[in-house]
Protein backbone atom coordinates (compact mmCIF):
# COMPACT_ATOMS: atom_id res chain seq x y z
CA MET A 1 -47.10 3.27 2.08
CA ALA A 2 -48.48 6.62 3.24
CA THR A 3 -52.20 7.25 3.34
CA ILE A 4 -53.84 10.68 3.24
CA SER A 5 -57.16 11.58 4.83
CA LYS A 6 -59.01 14.87 5.16
CA ARG A 7 -59.78 16.16 8.64
CA GLY A 8 -61.78 19.40 8.49
CA ASP A 9 -59.70 22.04 6.79
CA SER A 10 -56.50 20.04 7.15
CA TYR A 11 -55.09 16.71 5.98
CA ARG A 12 -53.46 13.87 7.89
CA ILE A 13 -50.66 11.77 6.43
CA LYS A 14 -50.30 8.37 8.11
CA VAL A 15 -47.36 6.00 7.70
CA SER A 16 -46.86 2.55 9.20
CA CYS A 17 -43.33 2.45 10.61
CA GLY A 18 -43.09 -1.23 11.42
CA TYR A 19 -42.80 -2.32 15.05
CA ASP A 20 -41.12 -0.85 18.13
CA VAL A 21 -38.77 -2.65 20.53
CA SER A 22 -41.76 -4.09 22.38
CA GLY A 23 -43.26 -5.63 19.23
CA LYS A 24 -46.10 -3.13 18.90
CA GLN A 25 -46.92 -1.59 15.52
CA VAL A 26 -45.79 2.01 15.24
CA VAL A 27 -47.91 4.43 13.22
CA GLN A 28 -46.69 7.96 12.67
CA THR A 29 -48.91 10.82 11.53
CA LYS A 30 -48.30 14.29 10.24
CA THR A 31 -50.92 17.02 9.82
CA LEU A 32 -50.80 19.59 7.00
CA LYS A 33 -52.98 22.61 6.43
CA PRO A 34 -52.96 23.95 2.84
CA GLU A 35 -52.19 27.61 2.31
CA GLU A 36 -55.11 29.85 1.47
CA GLY A 37 -55.79 30.27 -2.23
CA MET A 38 -54.40 26.88 -3.27
CA THR A 39 -56.41 24.99 -5.87
CA GLU A 40 -57.42 21.36 -5.35
CA ARG A 41 -54.83 20.32 -7.90
CA GLN A 42 -52.10 22.27 -6.08
CA ILE A 43 -53.22 20.83 -2.74
CA LYS A 44 -53.08 17.27 -4.09
CA LYS A 45 -49.65 17.82 -5.59
CA GLU A 46 -48.29 19.25 -2.35
CA LEU A 47 -49.86 16.47 -0.26
CA ASP A 48 -48.30 13.82 -2.48
CA ARG A 49 -44.94 15.51 -2.20
CA GLN A 50 -45.16 15.80 1.60
CA ALA A 51 -46.33 12.18 1.86
CA VAL A 52 -43.22 10.96 0.00
CA LEU A 53 -40.90 13.09 2.16
CA PHE A 54 -42.60 11.96 5.35
CA GLU A 55 -42.40 8.31 4.35
CA GLU A 56 -38.68 8.71 3.66
CA GLU A 57 -38.18 10.11 7.17
CA CYS A 58 -39.93 7.07 8.58
CA LYS A 59 -37.77 4.71 6.53
CA ARG A 60 -34.65 6.32 7.97
CA GLY A 61 -35.85 5.20 11.39
CA GLN A 62 -36.46 8.62 12.89
CA ILE A 63 -39.97 7.71 14.00
CA THR A 64 -39.50 4.31 15.59
CA ALA A 65 -37.60 5.78 18.54
CA ALA A 66 -40.78 6.97 20.25
CA ILE A 67 -39.64 5.35 23.49
CA LYS A 68 -38.34 6.96 26.66
CA PHE A 69 -34.59 6.95 27.21
CA GLU A 70 -34.78 4.98 30.46
CA SER A 71 -36.90 2.23 28.87
CA PHE A 72 -34.54 1.87 25.91
CA ALA A 73 -31.43 2.04 28.11
CA GLU A 74 -32.81 -0.89 30.12
CA LEU A 75 -33.20 -2.81 26.85
CA TRP A 76 -29.59 -1.94 25.99
CA PHE A 77 -28.45 -3.33 29.34
CA GLU A 78 -30.38 -6.55 28.77
CA GLU A 79 -29.72 -7.10 25.06
CA TYR A 80 -26.15 -5.80 24.76
CA ALA A 81 -24.33 -4.87 27.98
CA LYS A 82 -25.12 -8.02 29.95
CA ILE A 83 -23.87 -10.17 27.08
CA ASN A 84 -20.84 -8.22 25.85
CA LEU A 85 -19.39 -6.38 28.85
CA ARG A 86 -17.31 -7.64 31.76
CA LYS A 87 -19.25 -7.91 35.02
CA ILE A 88 -17.30 -5.09 36.63
CA SER A 89 -17.93 -2.80 33.62
CA TYR A 90 -21.62 -3.71 33.60
CA THR A 91 -21.92 -2.91 37.30
CA LEU A 92 -20.12 0.41 36.87
CA LEU A 93 -22.47 1.51 34.08
CA ARG A 94 -25.45 0.41 36.15
CA SER A 95 -24.35 2.77 38.91
CA LEU A 96 -24.39 5.70 36.47
CA THR A 97 -28.14 5.39 35.90
CA LYS A 98 -28.72 6.98 39.32
CA ARG A 99 -27.73 10.31 37.82
CA VAL A 100 -28.66 9.80 34.15
CA TYR A 101 -32.25 8.57 34.53
CA PRO A 102 -33.49 11.49 36.70
CA ALA A 103 -31.99 13.91 34.15
CA ILE A 104 -33.07 12.48 30.78
CA GLY A 105 -34.70 9.12 31.48
CA HIS A 106 -38.22 10.55 31.12
CA LEU A 107 -37.49 12.09 27.68
CA ARG A 108 -38.29 10.35 24.41
CA LEU A 109 -35.21 8.97 22.70
CA ASP A 110 -35.97 10.80 19.45
CA LYS A 111 -36.61 14.10 21.25
CA ILE A 112 -33.37 14.32 23.23
CA THR A 113 -31.08 17.01 21.84
CA SER A 114 -27.37 17.66 22.17
CA ARG A 115 -28.31 20.64 24.33
CA ASP A 116 -30.19 18.39 26.78
CA ILE A 117 -27.12 16.22 27.23
CA GLN A 118 -24.74 19.19 27.34
CA LYS A 119 -26.76 20.74 30.18
CA PHE A 120 -26.59 17.46 32.10
CA VAL A 121 -22.82 17.18 31.58
CA ASN A 122 -22.25 20.79 32.66
CA ASP A 123 -24.36 20.21 35.75
CA LEU A 124 -22.16 17.30 36.79
CA LEU A 125 -19.00 19.36 36.26
CA ILE A 126 -20.18 22.57 37.92
CA ASN A 127 -22.87 21.88 40.51
CA GLY A 128 -21.77 18.41 41.44
CA ARG A 129 -23.59 15.18 42.11
CA GLY A 130 -20.98 13.42 44.21
CA LYS A 131 -22.54 10.46 46.02
CA GLN A 132 -20.58 11.08 49.22
CA ASN A 133 -20.02 14.83 49.37
CA GLY A 134 -22.07 16.44 46.59
CA LYS A 135 -18.95 18.02 45.09
CA PRO A 136 -18.42 18.35 41.31
CA LEU A 137 -17.48 15.08 39.70
CA ALA A 138 -14.07 14.43 38.19
CA ARG A 139 -13.86 14.82 34.41
CA LYS A 140 -13.14 11.12 34.02
CA THR A 141 -16.37 10.26 35.84
CA VAL A 142 -18.36 12.73 33.74
CA LEU A 143 -16.92 11.17 30.58
CA LEU A 144 -18.15 7.78 31.80
CA HIS A 145 -21.69 9.17 32.08
CA LEU A 146 -21.48 10.64 28.59
CA SER A 147 -20.10 7.37 27.24
CA PHE A 148 -23.04 5.44 28.72
CA ILE A 149 -25.56 7.80 27.12
CA SER A 150 -23.68 7.67 23.81
CA ASN A 151 -23.59 3.86 23.85
CA THR A 152 -27.36 3.81 24.27
CA PHE A 153 -27.87 6.10 21.28
CA ARG A 154 -25.34 4.13 19.25
CA TYR A 155 -27.34 0.97 19.90
CA ALA A 156 -30.51 2.73 18.76
CA ILE A 157 -28.75 3.67 15.53
CA THR A 158 -27.60 0.07 15.08
CA MET A 159 -31.22 -1.05 15.52
CA ASN A 160 -32.27 1.45 12.77
CA MET A 161 -34.27 3.48 15.28
CA LEU A 162 -32.23 6.68 14.87
CA THR A 163 -29.81 8.15 12.38
CA ASP A 164 -28.02 10.61 14.67
CA ASN A 165 -26.19 10.46 17.98
CA PRO A 166 -26.63 13.80 19.82
CA CYS A 167 -23.66 12.96 22.08
CA SER A 168 -21.28 13.50 19.16
CA ARG A 169 -21.69 17.26 19.58
CA VAL A 170 -21.32 17.36 23.37
CA THR A 171 -18.05 18.55 24.92
CA VAL A 172 -16.67 17.97 28.40
CA ALA A 173 -14.57 20.85 29.68
CA LYS A 174 -11.02 19.92 30.60
CA GLN A 175 -9.92 20.10 34.21
CA GLU A 176 -6.49 20.53 35.66
CA LYS A 177 -4.98 17.07 35.98
CA LYS A 178 -4.00 16.01 39.45
CA GLU A 179 -0.43 14.86 39.73
CA LYS A 180 -0.16 11.14 40.37
CA GLN A 181 0.90 10.12 43.85
CA ILE A 182 4.17 8.25 43.33
CA TYR A 183 6.52 6.99 46.00
CA THR A 184 10.08 8.22 45.96
CA ILE A 185 12.93 5.71 46.01
CA ASP A 186 13.72 6.62 49.63
CA GLU A 187 10.08 6.14 50.64
CA MET A 188 10.00 2.76 48.92
CA LYS A 189 13.16 1.68 50.74
CA GLN A 190 11.60 2.73 54.06
CA LEU A 191 8.45 0.79 53.19
CA PHE A 192 10.36 -2.41 52.43
CA LYS A 193 12.38 -2.00 55.62
CA ALA A 194 9.20 -1.73 57.68
CA LEU A 195 7.68 -4.72 55.88
CA GLU A 196 10.41 -7.00 57.21
CA ASN A 197 8.32 -7.45 60.37
CA ALA A 198 4.95 -7.57 58.58
CA PRO A 199 2.86 -10.70 57.86
CA LEU A 200 4.40 -12.61 54.97
CA LYS A 201 1.22 -12.37 52.88
CA TYR A 202 1.35 -8.59 52.68
CA ARG A 203 5.12 -8.46 52.36
CA VAL A 204 4.79 -10.64 49.27
CA PHE A 205 1.85 -8.55 48.01
CA VAL A 206 3.85 -5.30 48.09
CA THR A 207 6.98 -6.91 46.69
CA LEU A 208 5.15 -8.40 43.73
CA ALA A 209 3.11 -5.22 43.17
CA VAL A 210 6.26 -3.07 42.96
CA TYR A 211 8.26 -5.47 40.81
CA SER A 212 5.39 -6.38 38.47
CA GLY A 213 3.22 -3.28 38.18
CA TYR A 214 0.15 -5.55 38.19
CA ARG A 215 -3.31 -4.10 38.78
CA ARG A 216 -4.97 -5.02 42.09
CA GLY A 217 -7.43 -7.41 40.43
CA GLU A 218 -4.59 -9.10 38.53
CA MET A 219 -2.61 -9.57 41.76
CA LEU A 220 -5.55 -11.13 43.59
CA GLY A 221 -6.40 -13.31 40.60
CA LEU A 222 -2.98 -15.00 40.51
CA GLU A 223 -2.93 -18.73 41.16
CA TRP A 224 -0.01 -21.03 41.92
CA LYS A 225 -0.38 -22.75 38.57
CA ASP A 226 0.42 -19.38 36.93
CA ILE A 227 4.01 -19.62 38.20
CA ASP A 228 6.71 -21.33 36.15
CA TRP A 229 9.23 -22.03 38.92
CA GLU A 230 11.84 -23.42 36.57
CA ASN A 231 12.03 -20.28 34.43
CA ASN A 232 10.97 -17.72 37.09
CA VAL A 233 8.01 -16.63 34.96
CA ILE A 234 4.60 -15.46 36.21
CA SER A 235 1.59 -15.29 33.88
CA VAL A 236 -1.48 -13.08 34.30
CA ARG A 237 -4.57 -14.93 33.12
CA ARG A 238 -7.52 -13.66 35.19
CA THR A 239 -8.66 -11.05 37.72
CA SER A 240 -10.45 -11.22 41.06
CA ASN A 241 -13.18 -8.64 41.60
CA TYR A 242 -16.11 -7.70 43.80
CA THR A 243 -19.39 -5.86 43.24
CA LYS A 244 -22.49 -5.64 45.43
CA LEU A 245 -24.47 -7.25 42.62
CA HIS A 246 -22.20 -10.26 42.03
CA GLY A 247 -20.17 -10.51 45.24
CA MET A 248 -16.65 -11.94 44.83
CA PHE A 249 -16.06 -13.32 41.34
CA THR A 250 -13.29 -14.25 38.91
CA ASP A 251 -13.26 -12.40 35.60
CA THR A 252 -11.22 -12.04 32.45
CA THR A 253 -8.37 -9.52 32.31
CA LYS A 254 -9.12 -5.89 31.40
CA THR A 255 -7.92 -6.38 27.82
CA LYS A 256 -6.40 -9.24 25.81
CA LYS A 257 -2.98 -7.60 26.12
CA SER A 258 -3.38 -7.66 29.89
CA GLN A 259 -2.76 -11.40 29.64
CA ARG A 260 1.03 -11.47 29.78
CA SER A 261 3.99 -13.48 31.05
CA THR A 262 7.03 -11.91 32.70
CA LYS A 263 10.29 -13.21 34.12
CA TYR A 264 11.21 -12.05 37.64
CA PRO A 265 14.40 -11.86 39.71
CA ALA A 266 15.27 -14.11 42.64
CA VAL A 267 14.09 -11.55 45.22
CA VAL A 268 10.52 -12.02 43.99
CA MET A 269 10.64 -15.77 43.47
CA ASN A 270 12.18 -16.39 46.90
CA VAL A 271 9.39 -14.63 48.81
CA LEU A 272 6.84 -16.49 46.69
CA ARG A 273 8.42 -19.80 47.72
CA GLU A 274 8.18 -18.71 51.36
CA LEU A 275 4.50 -17.90 50.88
CA LYS A 276 3.86 -21.26 49.21
CA ASP A 277 5.47 -23.12 52.13
CA GLU A 278 3.43 -21.11 54.63
CA GLN A 279 0.19 -21.91 52.82
CA ASP A 280 1.01 -25.62 52.63
CA LYS A 281 1.49 -25.68 56.42
CA GLN A 282 -1.75 -23.72 56.92
CA ARG A 283 -3.60 -26.21 54.71
CA GLU A 284 -2.49 -29.09 56.94
CA LEU A 285 -3.56 -27.26 60.10
CA MET A 286 -7.01 -26.40 58.72
CA GLY A 287 -7.77 -29.91 57.47
CA ASP A 288 -11.40 -30.24 56.31
CA LYS A 289 -12.04 -26.54 56.92
CA TRP A 290 -9.58 -25.55 54.20
CA VAL A 291 -11.09 -23.99 51.04
CA GLU A 292 -8.99 -24.90 48.01
CA SER A 293 -8.74 -21.88 45.68
CA ASP A 294 -5.12 -22.15 44.44
CA ARG A 295 -4.81 -18.39 44.87
CA LEU A 296 -1.57 -16.75 46.00
CA PHE A 297 -3.37 -14.29 48.25
CA ILE A 298 -5.94 -15.92 50.48
CA ALA A 299 -7.88 -15.63 53.72
CA ASP A 300 -6.98 -17.85 56.67
CA ASP A 301 -9.24 -20.64 55.42
CA GLY A 302 -7.75 -20.69 51.90
CA SER A 303 -10.56 -18.80 50.16
CA PRO A 304 -9.65 -15.86 47.87
CA LEU A 305 -8.62 -12.73 49.76
CA PHE A 306 -11.30 -10.02 49.76
CA VAL A 307 -10.38 -7.27 47.28
CA ASN A 308 -10.31 -4.41 49.81
CA ASN A 309 -8.24 -6.20 52.47
CA PRO A 310 -4.79 -5.23 51.08
CA TYR A 311 -5.79 -1.56 50.91
CA LYS A 312 -7.14 -1.46 54.47
CA TRP A 313 -4.21 -3.37 55.93
CA LEU A 314 -1.54 -1.31 54.14
CA GLN A 315 -3.25 1.96 55.01
CA LYS A 316 -3.14 1.09 58.73
CA PHE A 317 0.38 -0.33 58.42
CA CYS A 318 1.74 2.88 56.90
CA LYS A 319 0.00 4.99 59.53
CA ASP A 320 1.40 2.87 62.36
CA ASN A 321 4.91 3.12 60.91
CA GLY A 322 4.81 6.83 60.06
CA LEU A 323 4.93 6.19 56.31
CA ARG A 324 3.08 8.02 53.54
CA PHE A 325 0.29 5.92 52.02
CA CYS A 326 -1.01 6.72 48.56
CA ASP A 327 -3.05 3.71 47.44
CA ILE A 328 -2.50 0.24 45.97
CA HIS A 329 -2.37 1.62 42.42
CA SER A 330 0.56 3.86 43.39
CA TYR A 331 2.81 0.79 43.35
CA ARG A 332 1.95 0.40 39.67
CA HIS A 333 2.84 4.06 39.12
CA PHE A 334 6.17 3.60 40.90
CA HIS A 335 6.90 0.56 38.73
CA ALA A 336 6.18 2.51 35.53
CA SER A 337 8.23 5.53 36.63
CA ALA A 338 11.19 3.31 37.50
CA LEU A 339 11.10 1.74 34.04
CA PHE A 340 10.89 5.10 32.25
CA PHE A 341 13.76 6.61 34.22
CA ALA A 342 15.86 3.50 33.60
CA GLY A 343 15.53 4.27 29.89
CA VAL A 344 13.09 1.49 29.00
CA ASP A 345 11.22 2.38 25.79
CA PRO A 346 7.43 3.07 25.83
CA VAL A 347 6.56 -0.02 23.76
CA THR A 348 8.21 -2.30 26.31
CA VAL A 349 6.66 -0.41 29.26
CA SER A 350 3.24 -0.65 27.63
CA ALA A 351 3.55 -4.42 27.18
CA ASP A 352 4.83 -4.79 30.73
CA LEU A 353 1.84 -2.89 32.16
CA GLY A 354 -0.65 -4.78 29.98
CA HIS A 355 -2.00 -1.67 28.26
CA SER A 356 -4.07 -2.22 25.11
CA ALA A 357 -2.04 0.39 23.18
CA VAL A 358 1.23 2.28 23.58
CA SER A 359 -0.72 5.55 23.33
CA THR A 360 -2.46 4.62 26.59
CA THR A 361 0.89 4.35 28.35
CA THR A 362 2.30 7.62 27.01
CA SER A 363 -0.99 9.37 27.82
CA VAL A 364 -1.34 8.08 31.38
CA TYR A 365 2.35 8.69 32.13
CA CYS A 366 2.79 11.72 29.89
CA HIS A 367 4.76 13.73 32.46
CA LEU A 368 7.09 10.86 33.31
CA PHE A 369 7.60 10.04 29.64
CA GLN A 370 8.52 13.66 28.84
CA GLU A 371 11.00 13.80 31.73
CA ALA A 372 12.58 10.56 30.58
CA GLN A 373 12.86 11.93 27.05
CA ALA A 374 14.55 15.06 28.42
CA ARG A 375 17.07 12.87 30.22
CA THR A 376 17.91 11.04 26.99
CA SER A 377 18.72 14.33 25.29
CA SER A 378 21.51 14.88 27.85
CA VAL A 379 23.24 11.86 26.30
CA ILE A 380 24.06 14.05 23.28
CA SER A 381 25.92 16.53 25.46
CA GLN A 382 27.93 13.63 26.86
CA VAL A 383 28.86 12.50 23.35
CA LEU A 384 29.62 15.96 21.95
CA ASP A 385 32.41 18.04 23.50
CA PHE A 386 31.96 21.80 23.09
CA GLY A 387 35.38 23.44 23.09
CA ASN A 388 36.26 27.03 24.00
CA ASP A 389 36.49 27.95 20.33
CA GLY A 390 32.82 27.10 19.85
CA LYS A 391 33.62 24.10 17.72
CA THR A 392 32.23 20.69 18.56
CA GLU A 393 34.35 17.61 18.71
CA MET A 394 33.42 14.00 19.31
CA LYS A 395 34.63 12.84 22.71
CA PRO A 396 37.38 10.25 22.53
CA GLY A 397 35.92 6.81 22.37
CA ALA A 398 32.43 8.07 21.61
C-alpha cells in the first residue's frame, strides 16, 4: 500500500514493489508538488488519486526492472538460456554480448527505449562492427543481435518486471540478398571425377553430402549404428559440433524434424561399405591406441573428426585440382536445387532437408522454387496445342 509523507512544500508517495531479481526489497517513490492556490482538501484528494495511480503502475511491474541490462541478461543466460538452448545456440548468443553490452548494457532495463535499440541496430548495419574487418554486419547477423535483446526483454515480461518489449517497434532495413553459391551439374561431375583419387574418407563425405543434403554437423554426427544395411536407410539422430567454450561435443539435431530416415541408392551404400571395411582394418592396426567412437567420419585414431577438417581439406583439394570451391553447405544447396528441378514438391523437399516448416524451405530456396514453378507451367503448353486458327486443341494422347 502507498504511503504519503510531506517533504517541505512537496509530498512523497512511497510504494513497496516486492523484491528484485537479487532478493532485495524494491521501494519506489514519486514526488508531487501541489499547484499554487490548491486547498488542503484539494491537495489531499489529488495525492490520494496519484497514490492509487502510482501503486497501479508498480503492480504492473514497471518499477521492479530497476536493474541494468547487462546484469539482467546474465541472469537470463543462467536461468533460461543455459537450461533451454542447445550448446551451440547458447555459445552463439554469448558471442553477441561483445557488441550488445557496450551499447546498452549500462542502461537500466526499464529505461531502455525502442530508439536506443534502433540506434544500435542502425549502427551495426551502417558503420559496421565486424570482428575481422570492421565492415557492416550482414542483416542476418544484425537480426540475431536484435533477437537476443528481445529475448531478454521477453524474459523480463515473463517475470512480471516489465509490460512492454521495446524491440517490437524496431526495424532492420532489408539488404540485397546474395545469390547462393551452387555448383552446376558439370562442376559436380568434375568434382566427382577428381575425387576418384582422393582419400576414401573425403570421397564418401562428398558423396553422402550431395546425395543426402545433410548439414555438416549431421554428417559428422552419423554413427554406424544409424545405418540399416538391409534396407539401405540412414537415420539422422544427432550432430557433432565444436565451440571454444565446450570443445568437441555431441548435441541434438537442430529441430525435431531434423531427425529423419532416408533410403539411398547403391552408389551411396557401396562407398559406405568400403569406408566401413577401411575403418575395421585401421582399428586392427591401431590396437590399444584406437578410440572407439562408432562415427563414420573419424581421425586416424578413431576419434570423431574435427568439424573444420572437411572444409579445410576440400578447399585445398579444389584449389589443387583447379575446381571452384564454395563451401560445405553448398552441397546441401546443390541437393535442394536438384530436387526442385526434378519436380519434387516443396513438402517432400522440406522433409528431406529436415526443415522445421515448409515455409522455411520455400523462403531459403525462393529463387529455385520460383524457377521450378515456371518450368511446371511449360507442361501446359505441351498438353495444349495452339493451332493456326487460334483455337486450342488437346494433343493426341494427352
